[in-house]
Structure formats: C-alpha cells, structure tokens
Amino acid sequence: MKTIQISLNSIGKVKSFVNAITQFEYDFDLISGRYVIDAKSIMGIFSLDLSKPIDLAIHTEENLDEIMEVLKPYLVE
C-alpha cells in the first residue's frame, strides 16, 4: 500500500480524478481526518472537506508507476 497527498479543490478535478482511477481494478481510499471513503465514489468525495489536501491510500504494489503518472495532476506539491 502507498499513501500520497492529493488536492481535489474543484468539481472538475473530482470528476476527472474518479474517471482516471476507475480504469484500475485496485482499491483506492481517501482519508480525511477520521473519515475513510472509497475514492471511486463521487458522492463520497463530495462529503469531504475539499479545501484541504486529502490522503489517498493506494491498495496495491503493482503498476505504481502507471498509477502515479495518472495521478500527477492531483498531487500536492
């Protein structure tokens, strides 16, 4: 498992993020404080505070290079 910080501070970013990760069969969780939600759930994402960076847990060790490439636009610098 790998955890990174991402930013989803607009509706467009949330939509494109969900579309990007649904191409992978692995599980992705977003962690914000004590809340953990399925990162492939648009409704779940909108229940979080999107004004701050969110932790993304990637539940795989396979294809991490490919996954990180897809996630580049959302990474917190």
N, C-alpha and C. Protein backbone atom coordinates (compact mmCIF):
# COMPACT_ATOMS: atom_id res chain seq x y z
N MET A 1 0.84 -1.19 0.00
CA MET A 1 0.00 0.00 0.00
C MET A 1 0.88 1.24 0.00
N LYS A 2 0.44 2.25 -0.71
CA LYS A 2 1.16 3.52 -0.78
C LYS A 2 0.16 4.64 -0.47
N THR A 3 0.60 5.63 0.30
CA THR A 3 -0.26 6.76 0.62
C THR A 3 0.39 8.05 0.12
N ILE A 4 -0.40 8.85 -0.59
CA ILE A 4 0.08 10.13 -1.11
C ILE A 4 -0.94 11.21 -0.77
N GLN A 5 -0.53 12.47 -0.89
CA GLN A 5 -1.47 13.58 -0.67
C GLN A 5 -1.90 14.13 -2.01
N ILE A 6 -3.21 14.34 -2.16
CA ILE A 6 -3.75 14.91 -3.38
C ILE A 6 -4.65 16.10 -3.03
N SER A 7 -4.93 16.89 -4.06
CA SER A 7 -5.83 18.03 -3.90
C SER A 7 -6.95 17.90 -4.93
N LEU A 8 -8.18 17.96 -4.46
CA LEU A 8 -9.36 17.90 -5.33
C LEU A 8 -10.22 19.13 -5.03
N ASN A 9 -9.71 20.31 -5.41
CA ASN A 9 -10.34 21.55 -4.98
C ASN A 9 -11.34 22.14 -5.98
N SER A 10 -11.79 21.34 -6.94
CA SER A 10 -12.84 21.81 -7.85
C SER A 10 -13.69 20.62 -8.31
N ILE A 11 -14.90 20.92 -8.75
CA ILE A 11 -15.80 19.86 -9.21
C ILE A 11 -15.20 19.15 -10.41
N GLY A 12 -14.60 19.89 -11.31
CA GLY A 12 -13.97 19.30 -12.49
C GLY A 12 -12.85 18.35 -12.13
N LYS A 13 -12.05 18.74 -11.13
CA LYS A 13 -10.95 17.87 -10.68
C LYS A 13 -11.49 16.57 -10.08
N VAL A 14 -12.57 16.65 -9.32
CA VAL A 14 -13.15 15.46 -8.71
C VAL A 14 -13.62 14.50 -9.81
N LYS A 15 -14.33 15.03 -10.79
CA LYS A 15 -14.84 14.19 -11.89
C LYS A 15 -13.69 13.52 -12.65
N SER A 16 -12.69 14.30 -13.02
CA SER A 16 -11.58 13.73 -13.80
C SER A 16 -10.77 12.75 -12.96
N PHE A 17 -10.64 13.01 -11.65
CA PHE A 17 -9.92 12.09 -10.75
C PHE A 17 -10.63 10.74 -10.70
N VAL A 18 -11.95 10.74 -10.49
CA VAL A 18 -12.71 9.49 -10.41
C VAL A 18 -12.62 8.75 -11.74
N ASN A 19 -12.74 9.46 -12.86
CA ASN A 19 -12.61 8.81 -14.17
C ASN A 19 -11.22 8.20 -14.35
N ALA A 20 -10.20 8.88 -13.85
CA ALA A 20 -8.82 8.39 -14.00
C ALA A 20 -8.58 7.11 -13.20
N ILE A 21 -9.07 7.06 -11.96
CA ILE A 21 -8.75 5.89 -11.14
C ILE A 21 -9.68 4.70 -11.37
N THR A 22 -10.85 4.94 -11.97
CA THR A 22 -11.74 3.80 -12.20
C THR A 22 -11.21 2.86 -13.28
N GLN A 23 -10.21 3.29 -14.03
CA GLN A 23 -9.61 2.39 -15.03
C GLN A 23 -8.75 1.31 -14.38
N PHE A 24 -8.44 1.46 -13.10
CA PHE A 24 -7.66 0.47 -12.37
C PHE A 24 -8.58 -0.38 -11.51
N GLU A 25 -8.28 -1.68 -11.40
CA GLU A 25 -9.14 -2.56 -10.61
C GLU A 25 -8.80 -2.53 -9.12
N TYR A 26 -7.76 -1.82 -8.75
CA TYR A 26 -7.32 -1.79 -7.35
C TYR A 26 -8.24 -0.90 -6.51
N ASP A 27 -8.13 -1.07 -5.19
CA ASP A 27 -8.90 -0.24 -4.27
C ASP A 27 -8.14 1.03 -3.96
N PHE A 28 -8.86 2.13 -3.89
CA PHE A 28 -8.32 3.44 -3.52
C PHE A 28 -9.21 4.01 -2.43
N ASP A 29 -8.61 4.49 -1.34
CA ASP A 29 -9.37 5.12 -0.27
C ASP A 29 -8.88 6.54 -0.08
N LEU A 30 -9.82 7.45 0.19
CA LEU A 30 -9.47 8.81 0.57
C LEU A 30 -9.64 8.93 2.07
N ILE A 31 -8.64 9.52 2.73
CA ILE A 31 -8.64 9.63 4.18
C ILE A 31 -8.56 11.11 4.54
N SER A 32 -9.58 11.57 5.25
CA SER A 32 -9.62 12.96 5.69
C SER A 32 -10.02 12.96 7.16
N GLY A 33 -9.06 13.21 8.03
CA GLY A 33 -9.33 13.13 9.46
C GLY A 33 -9.69 11.71 9.84
N ARG A 34 -10.86 11.52 10.43
CA ARG A 34 -11.27 10.17 10.82
C ARG A 34 -12.17 9.51 9.79
N TYR A 35 -12.39 10.17 8.66
CA TYR A 35 -13.24 9.62 7.61
C TYR A 35 -12.41 8.90 6.55
N VAL A 36 -12.85 7.71 6.17
CA VAL A 36 -12.24 6.95 5.08
C VAL A 36 -13.35 6.61 4.10
N ILE A 37 -13.18 7.04 2.86
CA ILE A 37 -14.21 6.76 1.85
C ILE A 37 -13.58 6.14 0.61
N ASP A 38 -14.40 5.46 -0.17
CA ASP A 38 -13.97 4.87 -1.43
C ASP A 38 -13.68 6.01 -2.41
N ALA A 39 -12.45 6.06 -2.91
CA ALA A 39 -12.06 7.15 -3.80
C ALA A 39 -12.76 7.09 -5.16
N LYS A 40 -13.41 5.99 -5.47
CA LYS A 40 -14.14 5.88 -6.74
C LYS A 40 -15.58 6.36 -6.60
N SER A 41 -15.96 6.85 -5.42
CA SER A 41 -17.32 7.31 -5.16
C SER A 41 -17.38 8.84 -5.20
N ILE A 42 -17.99 9.36 -6.26
CA ILE A 42 -18.10 10.82 -6.38
C ILE A 42 -18.89 11.40 -5.20
N MET A 43 -19.99 10.75 -4.84
CA MET A 43 -20.79 11.25 -3.71
C MET A 43 -19.97 11.23 -2.41
N GLY A 44 -19.20 10.19 -2.22
CA GLY A 44 -18.36 10.10 -1.03
C GLY A 44 -17.34 11.22 -0.99
N ILE A 45 -16.72 11.51 -2.12
CA ILE A 45 -15.70 12.58 -2.19
C ILE A 45 -16.32 13.92 -1.81
N PHE A 46 -17.53 14.19 -2.30
CA PHE A 46 -18.15 15.47 -2.00
C PHE A 46 -18.58 15.59 -0.54
N SER A 47 -18.53 14.49 0.21
CA SER A 47 -18.84 14.58 1.64
C SER A 47 -17.62 15.02 2.45
N LEU A 48 -16.46 15.12 1.79
CA LEU A 48 -15.23 15.51 2.49
C LEU A 48 -14.99 17.02 2.35
N ASP A 49 -14.11 17.54 3.20
CA ASP A 49 -13.67 18.93 3.11
C ASP A 49 -12.62 19.01 2.02
N LEU A 50 -12.99 19.52 0.85
CA LEU A 50 -12.09 19.53 -0.30
C LEU A 50 -11.21 20.77 -0.35
N SER A 51 -11.30 21.64 0.65
CA SER A 51 -10.47 22.84 0.66
C SER A 51 -9.04 22.52 1.11
N LYS A 52 -8.84 21.33 1.70
CA LYS A 52 -7.52 20.93 2.19
C LYS A 52 -7.06 19.69 1.42
N PRO A 53 -5.73 19.46 1.39
CA PRO A 53 -5.24 18.21 0.78
C PRO A 53 -5.79 16.99 1.50
N ILE A 54 -5.96 15.90 0.76
CA ILE A 54 -6.53 14.65 1.28
C ILE A 54 -5.52 13.54 1.05
N ASP A 55 -5.44 12.59 1.98
CA ASP A 55 -4.57 11.43 1.80
C ASP A 55 -5.28 10.41 0.92
N LEU A 56 -4.55 9.88 -0.06
CA LEU A 56 -5.06 8.81 -0.93
C LEU A 56 -4.25 7.55 -0.65
N ALA A 57 -4.94 6.50 -0.22
CA ALA A 57 -4.30 5.21 0.01
C ALA A 57 -4.53 4.33 -1.22
N ILE A 58 -3.43 3.88 -1.81
CA ILE A 58 -3.49 3.02 -2.99
C ILE A 58 -3.18 1.61 -2.51
N HIS A 59 -4.15 0.71 -2.64
CA HIS A 59 -4.01 -0.64 -2.08
C HIS A 59 -3.45 -1.63 -3.09
N THR A 60 -2.24 -1.35 -3.54
CA THR A 60 -1.54 -2.28 -4.43
C THR A 60 -0.07 -1.91 -4.46
N GLU A 61 0.75 -2.85 -4.86
CA GLU A 61 2.16 -2.58 -5.11
C GLU A 61 2.44 -2.72 -6.61
N GLU A 62 1.44 -3.18 -7.36
CA GLU A 62 1.59 -3.38 -8.80
C GLU A 62 1.28 -2.09 -9.56
N ASN A 63 1.95 -1.91 -10.68
CA ASN A 63 1.67 -0.79 -11.59
C ASN A 63 1.72 0.58 -10.91
N LEU A 64 2.50 0.73 -9.85
CA LEU A 64 2.52 2.02 -9.14
C LEU A 64 3.03 3.15 -10.04
N ASP A 65 3.98 2.86 -10.92
CA ASP A 65 4.48 3.90 -11.83
C ASP A 65 3.36 4.42 -12.72
N GLU A 66 2.57 3.50 -13.26
CA GLU A 66 1.45 3.88 -14.13
C GLU A 66 0.40 4.66 -13.35
N ILE A 67 0.08 4.21 -12.14
CA ILE A 67 -0.91 4.89 -11.30
C ILE A 67 -0.43 6.29 -10.94
N MET A 68 0.84 6.41 -10.56
CA MET A 68 1.38 7.73 -10.18
C MET A 68 1.37 8.69 -11.37
N GLU A 69 1.61 8.17 -12.56
CA GLU A 69 1.57 9.01 -13.77
C GLU A 69 0.17 9.57 -13.97
N VAL A 70 -0.86 8.74 -13.79
CA VAL A 70 -2.25 9.17 -13.95
C VAL A 70 -2.62 10.19 -12.86
N LEU A 71 -2.04 10.04 -11.67
CA LEU A 71 -2.39 10.90 -10.54
C LEU A 71 -1.61 12.22 -10.50
N LYS A 72 -0.65 12.41 -11.39
CA LYS A 72 0.20 13.61 -11.38
C LYS A 72 -0.57 14.94 -11.26
N PRO A 73 -1.67 15.12 -12.02
CA PRO A 73 -2.36 16.42 -11.94
C PRO A 73 -2.98 16.71 -10.56
N TYR A 74 -3.11 15.70 -9.72
CA TYR A 74 -3.80 15.87 -8.43
C TYR A 74 -2.84 15.90 -7.24
N LEU A 75 -1.56 15.64 -7.49
CA LEU A 75 -0.59 15.57 -6.38
C LEU A 75 -0.37 16.95 -5.75
N VAL A 76 -0.20 16.94 -4.44
CA VAL A 76 0.13 18.16 -3.71
C VAL A 76 1.63 18.34 -3.81
N GLU A 77 2.06 19.52 -4.22
CA GLU A 77 3.50 19.76 -4.41
C GLU A 77 4.18 20.08 -3.10
